[in-house]
Amino acid sequence: MDSRAARRAQAFSNVGHSLNLLLLLLYPTVVLVLERERGRSYGELIALMLAGQILYGLAALPAGWLGDRWATRGMMVVYLLGAGAASIATGFAQTPFQLAAGLAAIGFFGAIYHPVGMAWIVRSMQDRGRALGWNGMFGSIGVALGPLIAGAFCHWWSWRAAFFAPGLMSLAVGLLLLVAWRRGEVGEGDNLAPVAVQPPSRREMLRAFFILSLTMSCGGLIFQAFTVVLPKLFEQRLGADGALGPLGIGGLVGLVYLCVGLATPYLGGIADRFPTQRVYRFAYVLLAPGLFLAALLESWLLLLLAVALVFTGSLSGPAENKLLAHYTPGRWQGTGFGAKFILTLGVSATAVPLIAWIYAATGGFYWLFVTMAVLATLALAGAWMLPDGNEAAATNRRAAAAE
């Protein structure tokens, strides 16, 4: 793949990442309006996300497999057009069932992005950590824009418009990619980028697979729960008497993710400059006590803590994806990322009923954050058992010395 085609591939993948998370995170802010408009409880309304969250995880593996076997660019087109149409359809929903069905369709098509779009970058770029860092920045921008766009449209127009506008954006980008694909202006990512490290041994690969399964499951549940609950958390602890409103809440959530998103490319570069396993462990060293503190804070310091917690996620994400790419055979990258996201997003789908149950039982989120802190501690223990990356190199040196 030539450099221009590779850069175009990364650009489309990055924009696709922003749209992916933007579309998924419209509803947690929209639900604050629906509480008043529909006269239903937060727990009942947030639970309508469940089917979409499950499909967002379950559909990732077949999406990654199709990306490996058919066409990365074709799957990206299907994702962008399908998710855009699903978002517009959600804006027309009249009943809770229709709303849940629309959110499920967004989750189904959104599931295509991570195994396909991230494998596209890994196959195309040599500086994987930095490339994944830039991709993470665009993801953070999407997370920031989701609640901000939802809050703005709910404030000035209606919650329906909050689904219409991003849906049209996704359709437009999908059509642009389709044209670029047909003209041969964007690469498939089938020429694997060279890497300057020894390949892992089979023993390392199996060990890393089981440990990463644990850490990715815990991390997926933590960050999914945190992202979904943040608008309601800010409303409850910072927006007393409804003073902030949907626009203010969306603006605060957007500010959190925008602050971190601007630093994400540099955080991704850290995974290139330092041992990836150490970066991964360090992120969880920060995360566990931060979540315990979040269970207690009810002042505006919570806003700064939220930035710090999202920062740790942006630090661990590129490192985790680089580890996964390292321990996955090159031509199975899409399937490997699909396996990751069917695991992490499948497990993280339990975040929605967990949030609904804890809020219904306690009226707050103290025990939710305690649970997340325990999971972060468990993930830290797992990360400490990851291979140090030296085993394969040592094996190769011993073999060379024996010749």
Protein backbone atom coordinates (compact mmCIF):
# COMPACT_ATOMS: atom_id res chain seq x y z
CA MET A 1 0.00 0.00 0.00
CA ASP A 2 1.45 3.42 -0.93
CA SER A 3 1.77 6.09 1.74
CA ARG A 4 -1.08 8.25 0.43
CA ALA A 5 -3.51 5.33 0.32
CA ALA A 6 -2.40 4.35 3.85
CA ARG A 7 -3.01 7.88 5.13
CA ARG A 8 -6.46 7.94 3.54
CA ALA A 9 -7.22 4.59 5.15
CA GLN A 10 -6.20 5.96 8.53
CA ALA A 11 -8.26 9.13 7.98
CA PHE A 12 -11.43 7.19 7.16
CA SER A 13 -10.81 4.82 10.06
CA ASN A 14 -10.29 7.73 12.47
CA VAL A 15 -13.45 9.54 11.36
CA GLY A 16 -15.31 6.23 11.55
CA HIS A 17 -14.14 5.85 15.16
CA SER A 18 -15.49 9.28 16.06
CA LEU A 19 -18.87 8.54 14.49
CA ASN A 20 -19.01 5.10 16.09
CA LEU A 21 -18.75 6.38 19.65
CA LEU A 22 -20.74 9.54 18.94
CA LEU A 23 -23.76 7.53 17.77
CA LEU A 24 -23.54 5.10 20.67
CA LEU A 25 -23.37 7.86 23.28
CA LEU A 26 -26.24 10.04 22.15
CA TYR A 27 -28.78 8.12 24.18
CA PRO A 28 -27.28 8.41 27.72
CA THR A 29 -27.85 12.19 27.45
CA VAL A 30 -31.13 11.96 25.51
CA VAL A 31 -32.51 9.76 28.29
CA LEU A 32 -32.36 12.72 30.69
CA VAL A 33 -34.95 14.47 28.50
CA LEU A 34 -37.05 11.33 28.01
CA GLU A 35 -37.36 10.94 31.80
CA ARG A 36 -39.37 14.14 31.91
CA GLU A 37 -41.06 13.82 28.53
CA ARG A 38 -42.21 10.22 28.91
CA GLY A 39 -42.64 10.19 32.71
CA ARG A 40 -40.57 7.01 33.09
CA SER A 41 -37.73 6.21 35.48
CA TYR A 42 -34.05 6.47 34.57
CA GLY A 43 -33.52 2.77 35.27
CA GLU A 44 -36.35 1.75 32.95
CA LEU A 45 -35.24 4.02 30.11
CA ILE A 46 -31.50 3.32 30.29
CA ALA A 47 -32.28 -0.41 30.09
CA LEU A 48 -33.51 0.17 26.50
CA MET A 49 -29.82 0.30 25.54
CA LEU A 50 -29.26 -3.32 26.53
CA ALA A 51 -30.01 -5.03 23.19
CA GLY A 52 -27.77 -2.57 21.35
CA GLN A 53 -24.94 -3.11 23.81
CA ILE A 54 -25.20 -6.89 23.47
CA LEU A 55 -25.19 -6.74 19.67
CA TYR A 56 -22.29 -4.27 19.76
CA GLY A 57 -20.28 -7.07 21.34
CA LEU A 58 -21.71 -10.22 19.73
CA ALA A 59 -21.52 -8.97 16.13
CA ALA A 60 -17.85 -7.95 16.44
CA LEU A 61 -16.38 -11.42 15.80
CA PRO A 62 -18.27 -12.18 12.56
CA ALA A 63 -17.58 -8.60 11.43
CA GLY A 64 -13.84 -9.07 11.96
CA TRP A 65 -13.92 -12.43 10.17
CA LEU A 66 -15.72 -10.89 7.19
CA GLY A 67 -13.21 -8.04 7.15
CA ASP A 68 -10.37 -10.58 6.93
CA ARG A 69 -12.07 -12.76 4.33
CA TRP A 70 -13.95 -10.23 2.18
CA ALA A 71 -12.93 -6.56 2.22
CA THR A 72 -12.00 -4.16 4.99
CA ARG A 73 -13.20 -1.19 2.95
CA GLY A 74 -16.46 -2.91 2.08
CA MET A 75 -17.21 -3.66 5.73
CA MET A 76 -16.44 -0.06 6.66
CA VAL A 77 -18.93 1.14 4.03
CA VAL A 78 -21.57 -1.25 5.41
CA TYR A 79 -20.90 0.06 8.92
CA LEU A 80 -21.13 3.76 8.03
CA LEU A 81 -24.25 3.46 5.87
CA GLY A 82 -25.98 1.02 8.21
CA ALA A 83 -25.26 2.94 11.41
CA GLY A 84 -26.32 6.23 9.79
CA ALA A 85 -29.62 4.79 8.60
CA ALA A 86 -30.22 3.18 12.02
CA SER A 87 -29.63 6.49 13.81
CA ILE A 88 -32.13 8.29 11.57
CA ALA A 89 -34.67 5.51 12.13
CA THR A 90 -34.19 5.83 15.91
CA GLY A 91 -35.11 9.49 15.66
CA PHE A 92 -38.53 8.47 14.31
CA ALA A 93 -39.25 6.07 17.21
CA GLN A 94 -42.66 6.47 18.86
CA THR A 95 -42.69 3.65 21.43
CA PRO A 96 -40.13 2.18 23.85
CA PHE A 97 -39.94 -0.95 21.68
CA GLN A 98 -39.16 1.11 18.56
CA LEU A 99 -36.56 3.10 20.48
CA ALA A 100 -34.92 -0.10 21.73
CA ALA A 101 -34.98 -1.55 18.20
CA GLY A 102 -33.32 1.55 16.78
CA LEU A 103 -30.62 1.49 19.45
CA ALA A 104 -30.13 -2.23 18.75
CA ALA A 105 -29.59 -1.49 15.04
CA ILE A 106 -27.03 1.21 15.90
CA GLY A 107 -25.22 -1.33 18.08
CA PHE A 108 -25.36 -4.03 15.40
CA PHE A 109 -23.81 -1.91 12.65
CA GLY A 110 -21.50 -0.15 15.13
CA ALA A 111 -20.03 -3.54 16.04
CA ILE A 112 -18.31 -3.62 12.66
CA TYR A 113 -16.02 -0.69 13.38
CA HIS A 114 -13.56 -1.86 16.04
CA PRO A 115 -12.48 -5.23 14.61
CA VAL A 116 -12.38 -3.87 11.06
CA GLY A 117 -11.28 -0.25 11.44
CA MET A 118 -8.54 -0.93 13.98
CA ALA A 119 -7.18 -3.93 12.07
CA TRP A 120 -7.10 -1.62 9.02
CA ILE A 121 -4.76 0.72 10.88
CA VAL A 122 -2.59 -2.05 12.32
CA ARG A 123 -2.08 -3.52 8.84
CA SER A 124 -1.32 -0.16 7.26
CA MET A 125 0.91 1.74 9.70
CA GLN A 126 4.40 0.98 10.99
CA ASP A 127 4.29 3.14 14.15
CA ARG A 128 1.35 1.23 15.54
CA GLY A 129 1.29 2.80 18.99
CA ARG A 130 1.19 6.36 17.65
CA ALA A 131 -1.29 5.45 14.91
CA LEU A 132 -3.56 3.80 17.47
CA GLY A 133 -3.08 6.84 19.69
CA TRP A 134 -4.37 9.15 16.95
CA ASN A 135 -7.23 6.74 16.40
CA GLY A 136 -7.94 6.89 20.12
CA MET A 137 -7.98 10.69 19.97
CA PHE A 138 -10.68 10.60 17.32
CA GLY A 139 -12.56 8.10 19.46
CA SER A 140 -12.35 10.50 22.40
CA ILE A 141 -13.63 13.31 20.17
CA GLY A 142 -16.61 11.11 19.33
CA VAL A 143 -17.24 10.42 23.00
CA ALA A 144 -17.00 14.16 23.69
CA LEU A 145 -19.30 15.15 20.83
CA GLY A 146 -21.96 12.50 21.57
CA PRO A 147 -23.32 14.03 24.79
CA LEU A 148 -22.56 17.57 23.61
CA ILE A 149 -24.52 17.16 20.35
CA ALA A 150 -27.32 15.34 22.17
CA GLY A 151 -27.54 18.08 24.80
CA ALA A 152 -27.46 20.89 22.21
CA PHE A 153 -30.14 19.38 19.97
CA CYS A 154 -32.33 18.50 22.95
CA HIS A 155 -32.00 22.07 24.24
CA TRP A 156 -32.62 23.94 20.97
CA TRP A 157 -34.66 21.47 18.89
CA SER A 158 -35.67 18.00 20.07
CA TRP A 159 -34.21 14.67 21.08
CA ARG A 160 -35.19 13.31 17.66
CA ALA A 161 -32.92 15.82 15.90
CA ALA A 162 -30.07 14.53 18.07
CA PHE A 163 -30.29 11.24 16.13
CA PHE A 164 -31.04 12.72 12.71
CA ALA A 165 -27.97 14.97 12.28
CA PRO A 166 -25.23 12.45 13.23
CA GLY A 167 -27.03 9.80 11.15
CA LEU A 168 -26.78 12.03 8.08
CA MET A 169 -23.09 12.62 8.81
CA SER A 170 -22.45 8.87 8.91
CA LEU A 171 -24.27 8.36 5.62
CA ALA A 172 -22.19 11.11 3.98
CA VAL A 173 -18.87 9.65 5.14
CA GLY A 174 -19.97 6.17 4.04
CA LEU A 175 -20.75 7.44 0.53
CA LEU A 176 -17.38 9.22 0.34
CA LEU A 177 -15.59 6.01 1.32
CA LEU A 178 -17.57 4.03 -1.24
CA VAL A 179 -16.50 6.44 -4.00
CA ALA A 180 -12.85 6.38 -2.84
CA TRP A 181 -12.93 2.56 -2.73
CA ARG A 182 -14.32 2.29 -6.26
CA ARG A 183 -11.67 4.72 -7.54
CA GLY A 184 -8.85 2.80 -5.84
CA GLU A 185 -7.88 5.88 -3.81
CA VAL A 186 -7.85 4.14 -0.43
CA GLY A 187 -5.86 1.01 0.46
CA GLU A 188 -7.17 -2.28 1.79
CA GLY A 189 -4.39 -2.65 4.35
CA ASP A 190 -3.35 -6.05 3.07
CA ASN A 191 0.38 -5.34 3.18
CA LEU A 192 1.26 -5.87 6.81
CA ALA A 193 3.47 -3.19 8.27
CA PRO A 194 6.86 -4.50 9.39
CA VAL A 195 7.59 -4.55 13.08
CA ALA A 196 11.01 -4.52 14.70
CA VAL A 197 10.36 -7.09 17.43
CA GLN A 198 10.76 -10.82 17.61
CA PRO A 199 7.55 -12.80 17.06
CA PRO A 200 6.08 -14.26 20.26
CA SER A 201 6.37 -17.94 21.01
CA ARG A 202 3.30 -20.16 21.11
CA ARG A 203 3.61 -20.32 24.89
CA GLU A 204 3.62 -16.52 25.13
CA MET A 205 0.64 -16.26 22.80
CA LEU A 206 -1.47 -18.67 24.87
CA ARG A 207 -0.47 -17.04 28.15
CA ALA A 208 -1.20 -13.57 26.80
CA PHE A 209 -4.55 -14.72 25.38
CA PHE A 210 -5.87 -15.91 28.74
CA ILE A 211 -4.54 -12.94 30.70
CA LEU A 212 -5.73 -10.35 28.19
CA SER A 213 -9.15 -12.03 28.19
CA LEU A 214 -9.36 -11.22 31.90
CA THR A 215 -7.98 -7.68 31.76
CA MET A 216 -9.96 -6.70 28.64
CA SER A 217 -13.20 -8.01 30.15
CA CYS A 218 -12.69 -6.03 33.36
CA GLY A 219 -11.56 -2.91 31.50
CA GLY A 220 -14.43 -3.12 29.01
CA LEU A 221 -17.03 -3.30 31.77
CA ILE A 222 -15.40 -0.46 33.72
CA PHE A 223 -15.14 2.02 30.87
CA GLN A 224 -18.52 1.16 29.40
CA ALA A 225 -20.24 1.66 32.76
CA PHE A 226 -18.32 4.89 33.38
CA THR A 227 -19.17 6.31 29.95
CA VAL A 228 -22.87 5.46 30.17
CA VAL A 229 -23.34 6.68 33.73
CA LEU A 230 -21.33 9.92 33.51
CA PRO A 231 -24.18 12.23 32.34
CA LYS A 232 -26.49 11.02 35.12
CA LEU A 233 -23.65 11.15 37.65
CA PHE A 234 -22.95 14.79 36.81
CA GLU A 235 -26.66 15.62 36.93
CA GLN A 236 -26.99 13.99 40.36
CA ARG A 237 -23.81 15.27 42.02
CA LEU A 238 -23.07 18.55 40.20
CA GLY A 239 -26.40 19.73 38.79
CA ALA A 240 -28.56 20.13 41.87
CA ASP A 241 -32.16 21.16 41.18
CA GLY A 242 -31.67 20.70 37.45
CA ALA A 243 -29.61 23.89 37.17
CA LEU A 244 -27.34 22.54 34.44
CA GLY A 245 -29.95 21.03 32.09
CA PRO A 246 -29.16 18.65 29.22
CA LEU A 247 -26.94 21.19 27.44
CA GLY A 248 -24.85 21.86 30.55
CA ILE A 249 -24.53 18.17 31.39
CA GLY A 250 -23.61 17.31 27.81
CA GLY A 251 -21.08 20.14 27.77
CA LEU A 252 -19.37 18.89 30.94
CA VAL A 253 -19.17 15.31 29.67
CA GLY A 254 -17.88 16.57 26.33
CA LEU A 255 -15.26 18.69 28.09
CA VAL A 256 -13.97 15.65 30.00
CA TYR A 257 -13.41 13.60 26.87
CA LEU A 258 -12.15 16.50 24.77
CA CYS A 259 -9.44 17.36 27.33
CA VAL A 260 -8.17 13.80 27.30
CA GLY A 261 -8.70 13.29 23.58
CA LEU A 262 -6.25 16.04 22.65
CA ALA A 263 -3.49 14.20 24.53
CA THR A 264 -4.32 10.73 23.21
CA PRO A 265 -1.85 10.67 20.25
CA TYR A 266 0.98 11.35 22.69
CA LEU A 267 -0.33 8.68 25.05
CA GLY A 268 -0.28 6.25 22.13
CA GLY A 269 3.34 7.22 21.46
CA ILE A 270 4.20 6.20 25.01
CA ALA A 271 3.35 2.59 24.04
CA ASP A 272 6.01 2.87 21.28
CA ARG A 273 8.70 4.40 23.49
CA PHE A 274 8.31 2.29 26.63
CA PRO A 275 7.69 -1.43 27.26
CA THR A 276 4.03 -1.91 26.39
CA GLN A 277 3.31 -4.23 29.30
CA ARG A 278 4.62 -1.65 31.79
CA VAL A 279 2.45 1.10 30.29
CA TYR A 280 -0.56 -1.20 30.52
CA ARG A 281 0.10 -2.03 34.17
CA PHE A 282 0.72 1.60 35.10
CA ALA A 283 -2.70 2.61 33.75
CA TYR A 284 -4.43 0.16 36.11
CA VAL A 285 -2.23 1.29 39.02
CA LEU A 286 -3.83 4.72 38.54
CA LEU A 287 -7.33 3.49 37.78
CA ALA A 288 -8.15 1.37 40.85
CA PRO A 289 -7.70 4.07 43.57
CA GLY A 290 -9.28 6.67 41.28
CA LEU A 291 -12.51 4.67 41.07
CA PHE A 292 -12.61 4.21 44.85
CA LEU A 293 -12.30 8.00 45.21
CA ALA A 294 -15.04 8.59 42.62
CA ALA A 295 -17.42 6.54 44.77
CA LEU A 296 -17.13 9.22 47.46
CA LEU A 297 -16.68 12.60 45.74
CA GLU A 298 -19.73 14.86 45.44
CA SER A 299 -18.04 18.20 44.74
CA TRP A 300 -16.75 19.82 41.56
CA LEU A 301 -13.49 17.94 42.14
CA LEU A 302 -15.41 15.07 40.57
CA LEU A 303 -15.00 16.80 37.20
CA LEU A 304 -11.19 16.74 37.51
CA LEU A 305 -11.26 13.15 38.70
CA ALA A 306 -13.38 12.17 35.71
CA VAL A 307 -10.71 13.65 33.41
CA ALA A 308 -8.04 11.64 35.25
CA LEU A 309 -10.03 8.40 34.96
CA VAL A 310 -10.63 8.86 31.24
CA PHE A 311 -6.92 9.68 30.91
CA THR A 312 -6.04 6.24 32.27
CA GLY A 313 -8.37 4.65 29.73
CA SER A 314 -6.68 6.55 26.92
CA LEU A 315 -3.30 5.42 28.24
CA SER A 316 -4.27 1.75 28.50
CA GLY A 317 -6.18 1.56 25.18
CA PRO A 318 -3.30 1.91 22.68
CA ALA A 319 -1.10 -0.31 24.85
CA GLU A 320 -3.79 -2.99 25.01
CA ASN A 321 -4.41 -2.87 21.26
CA LYS A 322 -0.68 -3.02 20.55
CA LEU A 323 -0.36 -6.06 22.83
CA LEU A 324 -3.27 -7.73 21.06
CA ALA A 325 -1.74 -7.02 17.64
CA HIS A 326 1.62 -8.40 18.82
CA TYR A 327 0.14 -11.66 20.06
CA THR A 328 -2.19 -12.19 17.05
CA PRO A 329 -0.93 -13.67 13.74
CA GLY A 330 -0.86 -10.94 11.08
CA ARG A 331 -3.53 -12.21 8.71
CA TRP A 332 -5.95 -12.81 11.56
CA GLN A 333 -5.82 -9.25 12.90
CA GLY A 334 -9.48 -8.51 12.11
CA THR A 335 -10.63 -11.75 13.69
CA GLY A 336 -8.35 -11.09 16.68
CA PHE A 337 -9.82 -7.65 17.26
CA GLY A 338 -13.27 -9.13 16.70
CA ALA A 339 -12.59 -11.69 19.44
CA LYS A 340 -11.47 -8.86 21.72
CA PHE A 341 -14.58 -6.83 21.19
CA ILE A 342 -17.02 -9.72 21.37
CA LEU A 343 -15.41 -10.42 24.74
CA THR A 344 -15.06 -6.90 26.10
CA LEU A 345 -18.22 -5.43 24.63
CA GLY A 346 -20.21 -8.59 25.32
CA VAL A 347 -19.17 -8.48 28.96
CA SER A 348 -19.55 -4.70 29.10
CA ALA A 349 -23.17 -5.04 27.98
CA THR A 350 -23.84 -6.08 31.57
CA ALA A 351 -22.98 -2.50 32.55
CA VAL A 352 -26.43 -1.28 31.51
CA PRO A 353 -28.50 -3.63 33.70
CA LEU A 354 -25.91 -3.22 36.48
CA ILE A 355 -26.35 0.57 36.39
CA ALA A 356 -30.14 0.27 36.27
CA TRP A 357 -30.24 -2.23 39.16
CA ILE A 358 -27.87 -0.31 41.45
CA TYR A 359 -29.60 3.02 40.78
CA ALA A 360 -33.04 1.51 41.40
CA ALA A 361 -31.85 -0.11 44.63
CA THR A 362 -29.82 2.77 46.09
CA GLY A 363 -30.76 5.94 44.19
CA GLY A 364 -27.07 6.60 43.50
CA PHE A 365 -23.84 5.19 42.14
CA TYR A 366 -21.62 4.58 45.19
CA TRP A 367 -21.72 0.79 44.89
CA LEU A 368 -21.28 0.94 41.13
CA PHE A 369 -17.93 2.68 41.54
CA VAL A 370 -16.88 0.33 44.32
CA THR A 371 -17.61 -2.59 42.00
CA MET A 372 -15.61 -0.99 39.20
CA ALA A 373 -12.69 -0.35 41.55
CA VAL A 374 -12.62 -4.03 42.54
CA LEU A 375 -12.62 -5.02 38.85
CA ALA A 376 -9.73 -2.60 38.19
CA THR A 377 -7.75 -4.24 41.01
CA LEU A 378 -8.41 -7.66 39.47
CA ALA A 379 -7.28 -6.39 36.06
CA LEU A 380 -4.11 -4.99 37.59
CA ALA A 381 -3.30 -8.39 39.07
CA GLY A 382 -3.79 -9.96 35.64
CA ALA A 383 -1.69 -7.34 33.86
CA TRP A 384 1.19 -8.12 36.21
CA MET A 385 1.22 -11.70 34.90
CA LEU A 386 1.55 -10.76 31.21
CA PRO A 387 4.64 -12.05 29.37
CA ASP A 388 7.46 -9.53 29.52
CA GLY A 389 8.10 -9.83 25.80
CA ASN A 390 11.61 -11.24 26.24
CA GLU A 391 10.81 -14.94 26.05
CA ALA A 392 10.70 -15.15 22.25
CA ALA A 393 13.87 -13.12 21.87
CA ALA A 394 15.68 -15.34 24.37
CA THR A 395 14.52 -18.45 22.52
CA ASN A 396 15.85 -17.06 19.23
CA ARG A 397 19.19 -16.17 20.81
CA ARG A 398 19.58 -19.66 22.23
CA ALA A 399 18.77 -21.17 18.84
CA ALA A 400 21.31 -18.93 17.10
CA ALA A 401 23.99 -19.78 19.65
CA ALA A 402 23.39 -23.51 19.10
CA GLU A 403 24.02 -23.22 15.34
